[in-house]
Amino acid sequence: MKKLHFFFFAFSLFSSHFIIAQNEVAIEKEILELHKPTKVVHDSISKLMKEVGLKIETEKDSLKRNQLTLRLDTLWNTLDQNGINELKLDFDFARKHPNSPKALHLIRISVGRFVGMNFYDTFVDVFQNFTPEIKNSEEGKEMTEKLKYFKQSKVGSNAPSFSLKDIDNKTISLSDYKGKKYILIDFWASWCAPCREELPYVKELYKKYKQQGLEIISITKDEKSDLWKNAIAKEKIESWKHISILENQSTIDKDYFVNGIPHKVLIDRNGMIIGKWKGSGENNKQDLQQLLKSIFEAE
């Protein structure tokens, strides 16, 4: 009799796992169908971007090259919007499948990306809709931690405090600037081409607004000090503050929810985050420039 009970228990457990596995396969197929329209758009735009990029490399006329660069930026913006549209579909999908690990995975992979930047409340709402089993899974615990760092580093939050040694071994603390200056934190690295391409633009901003109360703190993800220091000298950006995450053994990139570079954060005199930009591009540049203009040219 005991053997019979064990057999039925084992069979029931196997059947349950089999049904769950079958459901997840069906959900995966549903996700592929869900993403078909946005994938078509993504592939089409990516192809155009590659073509425009090749033209920029070979174009010798500066006016035409600038026009092509603007065209490439427009394509980037369209690609970003397509990603946001896909994320919105993912949110709706996850709400309909609160007991699916694949549905959780679908939104977790976007939580730290550019497309998810302005959707903290939606991420929280969708995540809370999952079953306790899903929320308490390993990936659910990872999501909980990500949302914690997302919350403390988003626009409108008090900037996470830090006290770190700079390139000259002087201690730089966020609290030193409270009530005195606006801080632009620029997460970058010597090996990051988009980061370095933006440096002339950042230099112009610093030159324009440093006397009015703007300080820049560049925080590198470099793992080799000589490359970092050589890049600072080559780009002639010694005039503002420089900090190495590695040399400080710091988690500041985690505290500010930095998942890719370039990544910029603007903090006001009260220590509040008032702007955040993931990635590069003209759109981000113009947005930062307009915000600084509204701050310093209106005072």
C-alpha atoms as a PDB file:
ATOM      1  CA  MET A   1       0.000   0.000   0.000  1.00  0.00           C
ATOM      2  CA  LYS A   2       2.853   2.394   0.864  1.00  0.00           C
ATOM      3  CA  LYS A   3       4.478   1.635  -2.470  1.00  0.00           C
ATOM      4  CA  LEU A   4       1.200   2.401  -4.224  1.00  0.00           C
ATOM      5  CA  HIS A   5       0.849   5.746  -2.411  1.00  0.00           C
ATOM      6  CA  PHE A   6       4.435   6.637  -3.297  1.00  0.00           C
ATOM      7  CA  PHE A   7       3.789   5.723  -6.942  1.00  0.00           C
ATOM      8  CA  PHE A   8       0.732   7.982  -7.122  1.00  0.00           C
ATOM      9  CA  PHE A   9       2.618  10.805  -5.359  1.00  0.00           C
ATOM     10  CA  ALA A  10       5.582  10.510  -7.760  1.00  0.00           C
ATOM     11  CA  PHE A  11       3.265  10.309 -10.771  1.00  0.00           C
ATOM     12  CA  SER A  12       1.332  13.368  -9.572  1.00  0.00           C
ATOM     13  CA  LEU A  13       4.563  15.320  -9.056  1.00  0.00           C
ATOM     14  CA  PHE A  14       5.853  14.318 -12.492  1.00  0.00           C
ATOM     15  CA  SER A  15       2.546  15.291 -14.116  1.00  0.00           C
ATOM     16  CA  SER A  16       2.593  18.670 -12.370  1.00  0.00           C
ATOM     17  CA  HIS A  17       6.129  19.418 -13.553  1.00  0.00           C
ATOM     18  CA  PHE A  18       5.260  18.201 -17.051  1.00  0.00           C
ATOM     19  CA  ILE A  19       2.238  20.523 -17.241  1.00  0.00           C
ATOM     20  CA  ILE A  20       4.315  23.483 -16.004  1.00  0.00           C
ATOM     21  CA  ALA A  21       6.990  22.721 -18.606  1.00  0.00           C
ATOM     22  CA  GLN A  22       4.376  22.475 -21.345  1.00  0.00           C
ATOM     23  CA  ASN A  23       2.863  25.793 -20.245  1.00  0.00           C
ATOM     24  CA  GLU A  24       6.256  27.490 -20.364  1.00  0.00           C
ATOM     25  CA  VAL A  25       6.859  26.171 -23.897  1.00  0.00           C
ATOM     26  CA  ALA A  26       3.493  27.587 -24.943  1.00  0.00           C
ATOM     27  CA  ILE A  27       4.334  30.902 -23.270  1.00  0.00           C
ATOM     28  CA  GLU A  28       7.682  31.047 -25.053  1.00  0.00           C
ATOM     29  CA  LYS A  29       5.917  30.615 -28.391  1.00  0.00           C
ATOM     30  CA  GLU A  30       3.456  33.321 -27.392  1.00  0.00           C
ATOM     31  CA  ILE A  31       6.357  35.687 -26.598  1.00  0.00           C
ATOM     32  CA  LEU A  32       7.929  35.056 -30.008  1.00  0.00           C
ATOM     33  CA  GLU A  33       4.615  35.931 -31.657  1.00  0.00           C
ATOM     34  CA  LEU A  34       4.256  38.981 -29.423  1.00  0.00           C
ATOM     35  CA  HIS A  35       7.665  40.302 -30.502  1.00  0.00           C
ATOM     36  CA  LYS A  36       7.303  39.637 -34.225  1.00  0.00           C
ATOM     37  CA  PRO A  37       6.092  43.147 -35.192  1.00  0.00           C
ATOM     38  CA  THR A  38       8.732  44.973 -33.112  1.00  0.00           C
ATOM     39  CA  LYS A  39      11.439  42.569 -34.336  1.00  0.00           C
ATOM     40  CA  VAL A  40      10.586  43.422 -37.945  1.00  0.00           C
ATOM     41  CA  VAL A  41      10.929  47.130 -37.130  1.00  0.00           C
ATOM     42  CA  HIS A  42      14.157  46.526 -35.181  1.00  0.00           C
ATOM     43  CA  ASP A  43      15.758  44.552 -38.010  1.00  0.00           C
ATOM     44  CA  SER A  44      14.719  47.126 -40.605  1.00  0.00           C
ATOM     45  CA  ILE A  45      16.087  50.073 -38.619  1.00  0.00           C
ATOM     46  CA  SER A  46      19.300  48.207 -37.754  1.00  0.00           C
ATOM     47  CA  LYS A  47      19.905  47.567 -41.445  1.00  0.00           C
ATOM     48  CA  LEU A  48      19.404  51.247 -42.268  1.00  0.00           C
ATOM     49  CA  MET A  49      21.698  52.273 -39.418  1.00  0.00           C
ATOM     50  CA  LYS A  50      24.448  50.023 -40.737  1.00  0.00           C
ATOM     51  CA  GLU A  51      24.096  51.547 -44.215  1.00  0.00           C
ATOM     52  CA  VAL A  52      24.174  55.116 -42.884  1.00  0.00           C
ATOM     53  CA  GLY A  53      27.147  54.284 -40.647  1.00  0.00           C
ATOM     54  CA  LEU A  54      29.132  53.019 -43.639  1.00  0.00           C
ATOM     55  CA  LYS A  55      28.289  56.183 -45.585  1.00  0.00           C
ATOM     56  CA  ILE A  56      29.504  58.360 -42.699  1.00  0.00           C
ATOM     57  CA  GLU A  57      32.849  56.522 -42.696  1.00  0.00           C
ATOM     58  CA  THR A  58      33.442  57.189 -46.396  1.00  0.00           C
ATOM     59  CA  GLU A  59      31.840  60.648 -46.785  1.00  0.00           C
ATOM     60  CA  LYS A  60      34.452  63.379 -47.137  1.00  0.00           C
ATOM     61  CA  ASP A  61      32.127  66.370 -47.364  1.00  0.00           C
ATOM     62  CA  SER A  62      31.638  67.676 -43.790  1.00  0.00           C
ATOM     63  CA  LEU A  63      28.140  69.068 -44.448  1.00  0.00           C
ATOM     64  CA  LYS A  64      26.903  65.768 -45.879  1.00  0.00           C
ATOM     65  CA  ARG A  65      28.604  63.868 -43.055  1.00  0.00           C
ATOM     66  CA  ASN A  66      26.776  66.020 -40.485  1.00  0.00           C
ATOM     67  CA  GLN A  67      23.480  65.374 -42.256  1.00  0.00           C
ATOM     68  CA  LEU A  68      24.161  61.636 -42.217  1.00  0.00           C
ATOM     69  CA  THR A  69      25.047  61.813 -38.511  1.00  0.00           C
ATOM     70  CA  LEU A  70      21.722  63.506 -37.775  1.00  0.00           C
ATOM     71  CA  ARG A  71      19.992  60.828 -39.821  1.00  0.00           C
ATOM     72  CA  LEU A  72      21.733  58.151 -37.762  1.00  0.00           C
ATOM     73  CA  ASP A  73      20.605  59.856 -34.555  1.00  0.00           C
ATOM     74  CA  THR A  74      17.014  59.904 -35.787  1.00  0.00           C
ATOM     75  CA  LEU A  75      17.258  56.183 -36.491  1.00  0.00           C
ATOM     76  CA  TRP A  76      18.632  55.602 -32.970  1.00  0.00           C
ATOM     77  CA  ASN A  77      15.651  57.481 -31.521  1.00  0.00           C
ATOM     78  CA  THR A  78      13.256  55.402 -33.626  1.00  0.00           C
ATOM     79  CA  LEU A  79      14.983  52.216 -32.466  1.00  0.00           C
ATOM     80  CA  ASP A  80      14.686  53.342 -28.834  1.00  0.00           C
ATOM     81  CA  GLN A  81      10.980  54.067 -29.274  1.00  0.00           C
ATOM     82  CA  ASN A  82      10.483  50.646 -30.813  1.00  0.00           C
ATOM     83  CA  GLY A  83      12.155  49.151 -27.743  1.00  0.00           C
ATOM     84  CA  ILE A  84       9.807  51.100 -25.474  1.00  0.00           C
ATOM     85  CA  ASN A  85       6.808  49.892 -27.481  1.00  0.00           C
ATOM     86  CA  GLU A  86       8.026  46.311 -27.044  1.00  0.00           C
ATOM     87  CA  LEU A  87       8.493  46.824 -23.301  1.00  0.00           C
ATOM     88  CA  LYS A  88       4.891  48.014 -22.986  1.00  0.00           C
ATOM     89  CA  LEU A  89       3.761  44.826 -24.705  1.00  0.00           C
ATOM     90  CA  ASP A  90       5.921  42.850 -22.273  1.00  0.00           C
ATOM     91  CA  PHE A  91       4.295  44.582 -19.303  1.00  0.00           C
ATOM     92  CA  ASP A  92       0.827  43.617 -20.538  1.00  0.00           C
ATOM     93  CA  PHE A  93       1.997  40.069 -21.209  1.00  0.00           C
ATOM     94  CA  ALA A  94       3.509  39.712 -17.724  1.00  0.00           C
ATOM     95  CA  ARG A  95       0.274  40.949 -16.116  1.00  0.00           C
ATOM     96  CA  LYS A  96      -1.604  38.169 -17.926  1.00  0.00           C
ATOM     97  CA  HIS A  97       0.883  35.483 -16.828  1.00  0.00           C
ATOM     98  CA  PRO A  98       1.570  36.132 -13.112  1.00  0.00           C
ATOM     99  CA  ASN A  99       2.703  32.550 -12.477  1.00  0.00           C
ATOM    100  CA  SER A 100       5.203  32.289 -15.335  1.00  0.00           C
ATOM    101  CA  PRO A 101       9.010  32.413 -14.800  1.00  0.00           C
ATOM    102  CA  LYS A 102       9.434  33.358 -18.467  1.00  0.00           C
ATOM    103  CA  ALA A 103       7.123  36.350 -18.028  1.00  0.00           C
ATOM    104  CA  LEU A 104       9.242  37.516 -15.088  1.00  0.00           C
ATOM    105  CA  HIS A 105      12.433  37.021 -17.112  1.00  0.00           C
ATOM    106  CA  LEU A 106      10.912  39.086 -19.898  1.00  0.00           C
ATOM    107  CA  ILE A 107      10.635  42.205 -17.768  1.00  0.00           C
ATOM    108  CA  ARG A 108      13.742  41.596 -15.644  1.00  0.00           C
ATOM    109  CA  ILE A 109      16.070  41.836 -18.648  1.00  0.00           C
ATOM    110  CA  SER A 110      14.722  45.326 -19.412  1.00  0.00           C
ATOM    111  CA  VAL A 111      14.720  46.823 -15.907  1.00  0.00           C
ATOM    112  CA  GLY A 112      18.239  48.253 -16.156  1.00  0.00           C
ATOM    113  CA  ARG A 113      18.170  49.190 -19.823  1.00  0.00           C
ATOM    114  CA  PHE A 114      17.591  52.558 -21.442  1.00  0.00           C
ATOM    115  CA  VAL A 115      14.064  51.573 -22.533  1.00  0.00           C
ATOM    116  CA  GLY A 116      13.046  50.949 -18.913  1.00  0.00           C
ATOM    117  CA  MET A 117      14.424  54.199 -17.475  1.00  0.00           C
ATOM    118  CA  ASN A 118      11.105  55.984 -17.024  1.00  0.00           C
ATOM    119  CA  PHE A 119       8.994  53.006 -15.969  1.00  0.00           C
ATOM    120  CA  TYR A 120       9.971  52.326 -12.362  1.00  0.00           C
ATOM    121  CA  ASP A 121       6.375  52.452 -11.072  1.00  0.00           C
ATOM    122  CA  THR A 122       5.209  50.120 -13.838  1.00  0.00           C
ATOM    123  CA  PHE A 123       7.985  47.620 -13.106  1.00  0.00           C
ATOM    124  CA  VAL A 124       6.971  47.600  -9.432  1.00  0.00           C
ATOM    125  CA  ASP A 125       3.276  47.234 -10.252  1.00  0.00           C
ATOM    126  CA  VAL A 126       3.859  44.371 -12.685  1.00  0.00           C
ATOM    127  CA  PHE A 127       6.305  42.600 -10.363  1.00  0.00           C
ATOM    128  CA  GLN A 128       3.908  42.789  -7.417  1.00  0.00           C
ATOM    129  CA  ASN A 129       1.278  41.087  -9.571  1.00  0.00           C
ATOM    130  CA  PHE A 130       3.358  37.896  -9.808  1.00  0.00           C
ATOM    131  CA  THR A 131       2.541  34.982  -7.537  1.00  0.00           C
ATOM    132  CA  PRO A 132       4.507  34.590  -4.273  1.00  0.00           C
ATOM    133  CA  GLU A 133       6.258  31.554  -5.772  1.00  0.00           C
ATOM    134  CA  ILE A 134       7.566  33.596  -8.709  1.00  0.00           C
ATOM    135  CA  LYS A 135       8.535  36.582  -6.543  1.00  0.00           C
ATOM    136  CA  ASN A 136      10.436  34.315  -4.140  1.00  0.00           C
ATOM    137  CA  SER A 137      12.317  32.492  -6.908  1.00  0.00           C
ATOM    138  CA  GLU A 138      16.000  33.247  -7.533  1.00  0.00           C
ATOM    139  CA  GLU A 139      15.137  35.512 -10.436  1.00  0.00           C
ATOM    140  CA  GLY A 140      12.416  37.116  -8.347  1.00  0.00           C
ATOM    141  CA  LYS A 141      14.956  37.918  -5.633  1.00  0.00           C
ATOM    142  CA  GLU A 142      17.268  39.395  -8.274  1.00  0.00           C
ATOM    143  CA  MET A 143      14.382  41.543  -9.498  1.00  0.00           C
ATOM    144  CA  THR A 144      13.682  42.758  -5.955  1.00  0.00           C
ATOM    145  CA  GLU A 145      17.307  43.838  -5.593  1.00  0.00           C
ATOM    146  CA  LYS A 146      17.342  45.562  -8.985  1.00  0.00           C
ATOM    147  CA  LEU A 147      14.189  47.506  -8.117  1.00  0.00           C
ATOM    148  CA  LYS A 148      15.832  48.638  -4.877  1.00  0.00           C
ATOM    149  CA  TYR A 149      18.787  50.170  -6.737  1.00  0.00           C
ATOM    150  CA  PHE A 150      16.492  51.507  -9.464  1.00  0.00           C
ATOM    151  CA  LYS A 151      14.387  53.342  -6.855  1.00  0.00           C
ATOM    152  CA  GLN A 152      17.305  54.983  -5.041  1.00  0.00           C
ATOM    153  CA  SER A 153      18.923  56.211  -8.265  1.00  0.00           C
ATOM    154  CA  LYS A 154      15.988  57.458 -10.323  1.00  0.00           C
ATOM    155  CA  VAL A 155      15.092  61.068 -11.034  1.00  0.00           C
ATOM    156  CA  GLY A 156      13.412  62.542  -7.965  1.00  0.00           C
ATOM    157  CA  SER A 157      15.375  60.440  -5.446  1.00  0.00           C
ATOM    158  CA  ASN A 158      18.063  61.663  -3.086  1.00  0.00           C
ATOM    159  CA  ALA A 159      21.385  60.744  -4.676  1.00  0.00           C
ATOM    160  CA  PRO A 160      23.194  57.845  -2.943  1.00  0.00           C
ATOM    161  CA  SER A 161      25.999  59.276  -0.832  1.00  0.00           C
ATOM    162  CA  PHE A 162      29.641  58.421  -1.414  1.00  0.00           C
ATOM    163  CA  SER A 163      33.094  59.275  -0.100  1.00  0.00           C
ATOM    164  CA  LEU A 164      35.904  58.159  -2.412  1.00  0.00           C
ATOM    165  CA  LYS A 165      39.546  58.908  -3.222  1.00  0.00           C
ATOM    166  CA  ASP A 166      40.149  60.771  -6.474  1.00  0.00           C
ATOM    167  CA  ILE A 167      43.069  60.513  -8.891  1.00  0.00           C
ATOM    168  CA  ASP A 168      45.161  62.742  -6.578  1.00  0.00           C
ATOM    169  CA  ASN A 169      44.282  60.602  -3.532  1.00  0.00           C
ATOM    170  CA  LYS A 170      42.015  63.337  -2.147  1.00  0.00           C
ATOM    171  CA  THR A 171      38.704  62.346  -0.595  1.00  0.00           C
ATOM    172  CA  ILE A 172      35.673  63.413  -2.611  1.00  0.00           C
ATOM    173  CA  SER A 173      32.313  63.249  -0.842  1.00  0.00           C
ATOM    174  CA  LEU A 174      28.912  64.095  -2.273  1.00  0.00           C
ATOM    175  CA  SER A 175      28.098  65.899   0.976  1.00  0.00           C
ATOM    176  CA  ASP A 176      30.951  68.362   0.281  1.00  0.00           C
ATOM    177  CA  TYR A 177      28.860  69.928  -2.481  1.00  0.00           C
ATOM    178  CA  LYS A 178      25.478  70.029  -0.789  1.00  0.00           C
ATOM    179  CA  GLY A 179      24.061  73.540  -0.790  1.00  0.00           C
ATOM    180  CA  LYS A 180      26.923  74.694  -3.020  1.00  0.00           C
ATOM    181  CA  LYS A 181      27.064  73.069  -6.452  1.00  0.00           C
ATOM    182  CA  TYR A 182      25.276  71.001  -9.042  1.00  0.00           C
ATOM    183  CA  ILE A 183      27.107  67.734  -9.724  1.00  0.00           C
ATOM    184  CA  LEU A 184      27.236  65.945 -13.061  1.00  0.00           C
ATOM    185  CA  ILE A 185      28.472  62.398 -12.505  1.00  0.00           C
ATOM    186  CA  ASP A 186      29.796  60.876 -15.706  1.00  0.00           C
ATOM    187  CA  PHE A 187      30.326  57.097 -15.641  1.00  0.00           C
ATOM    188  CA  TRP A 188      32.781  56.203 -18.399  1.00  0.00           C
ATOM    189  CA  ALA A 189      35.945  54.226 -19.315  1.00  0.00           C
ATOM    190  CA  SER A 190      38.972  54.739 -21.530  1.00  0.00           C
ATOM    191  CA  TRP A 191      37.919  51.788 -23.713  1.00  0.00           C
ATOM    192  CA  CYS A 192      34.382  53.138 -24.255  1.00  0.00           C
ATOM    193  CA  ALA A 193      34.373  54.867 -27.674  1.00  0.00           C
ATOM    194  CA  PRO A 194      30.975  56.624 -27.212  1.00  0.00           C
ATOM    195  CA  CYS A 195      32.168  57.930 -23.807  1.00  0.00           C
ATOM    196  CA  ARG A 196      35.272  59.479 -25.303  1.00  0.00           C
ATOM    197  CA  GLU A 197      33.414  60.867 -28.312  1.00  0.00           C
ATOM    198  CA  GLU A 198      31.256  62.872 -25.881  1.00  0.00           C
ATOM    199  CA  LEU A 199      34.161  64.399 -23.971  1.00  0.00           C
ATOM    200  CA  PRO A 200      34.555  67.529 -26.178  1.00  0.00           C
ATOM    201  CA  TYR A 201      30.856  68.211 -25.571  1.00  0.00           C
ATOM    202  CA  VAL A 202      31.244  67.666 -21.811  1.00  0.00           C
ATOM    203  CA  LYS A 203      34.265  69.991 -21.792  1.00  0.00           C
ATOM    204  CA  GLU A 204      32.171  72.714 -23.408  1.00  0.00           C
ATOM    205  CA  LEU A 205      29.464  72.341 -20.778  1.00  0.00           C
ATOM    206  CA  TYR A 206      32.022  72.545 -17.983  1.00  0.00           C
ATOM    207  CA  LYS A 207      33.702  75.588 -19.478  1.00  0.00           C
ATOM    208  CA  LYS A 208      30.330  77.297 -19.850  1.00  0.00           C
ATOM    209  CA  TYR A 209      28.876  76.575 -16.405  1.00  0.00           C
ATOM    210  CA  LYS A 210      31.683  75.836 -13.937  1.00  0.00           C
ATOM    211  CA  GLN A 211      31.803  79.431 -12.688  1.00  0.00           C
ATOM    212  CA  GLN A 212      28.051  79.284 -12.074  1.00  0.00           C
ATOM    213  CA  GLY A 213      28.218  76.205  -9.886  1.00  0.00           C
ATOM    214  CA  LEU A 214      28.628  73.080 -12.017  1.00  0.00           C
ATOM    215  CA  GLU A 215      31.103  70.409 -10.931  1.00  0.00           C
ATOM    216  CA  ILE A 216      31.830  67.265 -12.916  1.00  0.00           C
ATOM    217  CA  ILE A 217      32.910  63.991 -11.347  1.00  0.00           C
ATOM    218  CA  SER A 218      34.013  61.386 -13.881  1.00  0.00           C
ATOM    219  CA  ILE A 219      33.907  57.851 -12.506  1.00  0.00           C
ATOM    220  CA  THR A 220      35.730  55.229 -14.518  1.00  0.00           C
ATOM    221  CA  LYS A 221      35.061  51.524 -14.868  1.00  0.00           C
ATOM    222  CA  ASP A 222      38.620  50.994 -16.141  1.00  0.00           C
ATOM    223  CA  GLU A 223      40.490  48.035 -14.709  1.00  0.00           C
ATOM    224  CA  LYS A 224      43.918  49.379 -15.645  1.00  0.00           C
ATOM    225  CA  SER A 225      45.015  52.632 -14.004  1.00  0.00           C
ATOM    226  CA  ASP A 226      47.565  53.519 -16.670  1.00  0.00           C
ATOM    227  CA  LEU A 227      44.963  53.398 -19.458  1.00  0.00           C
ATOM    228  CA  TRP A 228      42.590  55.546 -17.394  1.00  0.00           C
ATOM    229  CA  LYS A 229      45.222  58.142 -16.526  1.00  0.00           C
ATOM    230  CA  ASN A 230      46.590  58.242 -20.087  1.00  0.00           C
ATOM    231  CA  ALA A 231      43.081  58.835 -21.445  1.00  0.00           C
ATOM    232  CA  ILE A 232      42.541  61.745 -19.038  1.00  0.00           C
ATOM    233  CA  ALA A 233      45.795  63.359 -20.185  1.00  0.00           C
ATOM    234  CA  LYS A 234      45.140  62.702 -23.870  1.00  0.00           C
ATOM    235  CA  GLU A 235      41.601  64.123 -23.735  1.00  0.00           C
ATOM    236  CA  LYS A 236      42.780  67.065 -21.581  1.00  0.00           C
ATOM    237  CA  ILE A 237      40.070  66.685 -18.978  1.00  0.00           C
ATOM    238  CA  GLU A 238      42.205  67.119 -15.860  1.00  0.00           C
ATOM    239  CA  SER A 239      40.253  70.217 -14.810  1.00  0.00           C
ATOM    240  CA  TRP A 240      37.448  68.280 -13.125  1.00  0.00           C
ATOM    241  CA  LYS A 241      37.322  65.408 -10.625  1.00  0.00           C
ATOM    242  CA  HIS A 242      38.257  61.815 -11.509  1.00  0.00           C
ATOM    243  CA  ILE A 243      37.548  58.661  -9.525  1.00  0.00           C
ATOM    244  CA  SER A 244      38.305  54.989 -10.206  1.00  0.00           C
ATOM    245  CA  ILE A 245      35.773  52.394  -9.098  1.00  0.00           C
ATOM    246  CA  LEU A 246      38.442  49.694  -9.045  1.00  0.00           C
ATOM    247  CA  GLU A 247      41.009  51.637  -7.020  1.00  0.00           C
ATOM    248  CA  ASN A 248      38.362  52.500  -4.445  1.00  0.00           C
ATOM    249  CA  GLN A 249      36.890  48.983  -4.422  1.00  0.00           C
ATOM    250  CA  SER A 250      33.589  50.823  -4.666  1.00  0.00           C
ATOM    251  CA  THR A 251      30.030  49.788  -5.498  1.00  0.00           C
ATOM    252  CA  ILE A 252      29.019  53.271  -6.626  1.00  0.00           C
ATOM    253  CA  ASP A 253      28.059  51.988 -10.078  1.00  0.00           C
ATOM    254  CA  LYS A 254      25.670  49.532  -8.418  1.00  0.00           C
ATOM    255  CA  ASP A 255      24.349  52.235  -6.085  1.00  0.00           C
ATOM    256  CA  TYR A 256      23.528  54.419  -9.093  1.00  0.00           C
ATOM    257  CA  PHE A 257      22.136  51.446 -11.055  1.00  0.00           C
ATOM    258  CA  VAL A 258      24.692  51.782 -13.853  1.00  0.00           C
ATOM    259  CA  ASN A 259      24.371  48.845 -16.236  1.00  0.00           C
ATOM    260  CA  GLY A 260      26.177  50.364 -19.200  1.00  0.00           C
ATOM    261  CA  ILE A 261      28.232  53.403 -20.154  1.00  0.00           C
ATOM    262  CA  PRO A 262      28.184  56.268 -20.878  1.00  0.00           C
ATOM    263  CA  HIS A 263      25.802  57.000 -18.045  1.00  0.00           C
ATOM    264  CA  LYS A 264      25.290  60.508 -16.651  1.00  0.00           C
ATOM    265  CA  VAL A 265      23.528  61.689 -13.502  1.00  0.00           C
ATOM    266  CA  LEU A 266      22.774  65.319 -12.632  1.00  0.00           C
ATOM    267  CA  ILE A 267      22.374  66.148  -8.933  1.00  0.00           C
ATOM    268  CA  ASP A 268      21.082  69.493  -7.670  1.00  0.00           C
ATOM    269  CA  ARG A 269      22.372  71.539  -4.721  1.00  0.00           C
ATOM    270  CA  ASN A 270      19.972  69.737  -2.375  1.00  0.00           C
ATOM    271  CA  GLY A 271      21.433  66.364  -3.283  1.00  0.00           C
ATOM    272  CA  MET A 272      18.472  65.285  -5.408  1.00  0.00           C
ATOM    273  CA  ILE A 273      18.805  63.532  -8.769  1.00  0.00           C
ATOM    274  CA  ILE A 274      17.204  65.789 -11.375  1.00  0.00           C
ATOM    275  CA  GLY A 275      18.453  64.161 -14.569  1.00  0.00           C
ATOM    276  CA  LYS A 276      19.707  60.796 -15.781  1.00  0.00           C
ATOM    277  CA  TRP A 277      20.946  59.734 -19.207  1.00  0.00           C
ATOM    278  CA  LYS A 278      21.839  56.212 -20.318  1.00  0.00           C
ATOM    279  CA  GLY A 279      23.843  55.871 -23.508  1.00  0.00           C
ATOM    280  CA  SER A 280      25.057  58.482 -25.948  1.00  0.00           C
ATOM    281  CA  GLY A 281      23.537  60.395 -28.871  1.00  0.00           C
ATOM    282  CA  GLU A 282      22.333  63.849 -29.815  1.00  0.00           C
ATOM    283  CA  ASN A 283      19.014  63.409 -28.070  1.00  0.00           C
ATOM    284  CA  ASN A 284      20.689  62.896 -24.684  1.00  0.00           C
ATOM    285  CA  LYS A 285      23.140  65.736 -25.340  1.00  0.00           C
ATOM    286  CA  GLN A 286      20.381  68.195 -26.160  1.00  0.00           C
ATOM    287  CA  ASP A 287      18.305  67.124 -23.167  1.00  0.00           C
ATOM    288  CA  LEU A 288      21.228  67.637 -20.757  1.00  0.00           C
ATOM    289  CA  GLN A 289      22.152  70.929 -22.383  1.00  0.00           C
ATOM    290  CA  GLN A 290      18.612  72.257 -22.132  1.00  0.00           C
ATOM    291  CA  LEU A 291      18.359  71.270 -18.481  1.00  0.00           C
ATOM    292  CA  LEU A 292      21.632  73.006 -17.604  1.00  0.00           C
ATOM    293  CA  LYS A 293      20.538  76.076 -19.561  1.00  0.00           C
ATOM    294  CA  SER A 294      17.255  76.222 -17.639  1.00  0.00           C
ATOM    295  CA  ILE A 295      19.177  75.998 -14.365  1.00  0.00           C
ATOM    296  CA  PHE A 296      22.082  78.360 -14.892  1.00  0.00           C
ATOM    297  CA  GLU A 297      20.738  80.825 -17.419  1.00  0.00           C
ATOM    298  CA  ALA A 298      17.539  81.362 -15.472  1.00  0.00           C
ATOM    299  CA  GLU A 299      19.305  82.072 -12.155  1.00  0.00           C
END
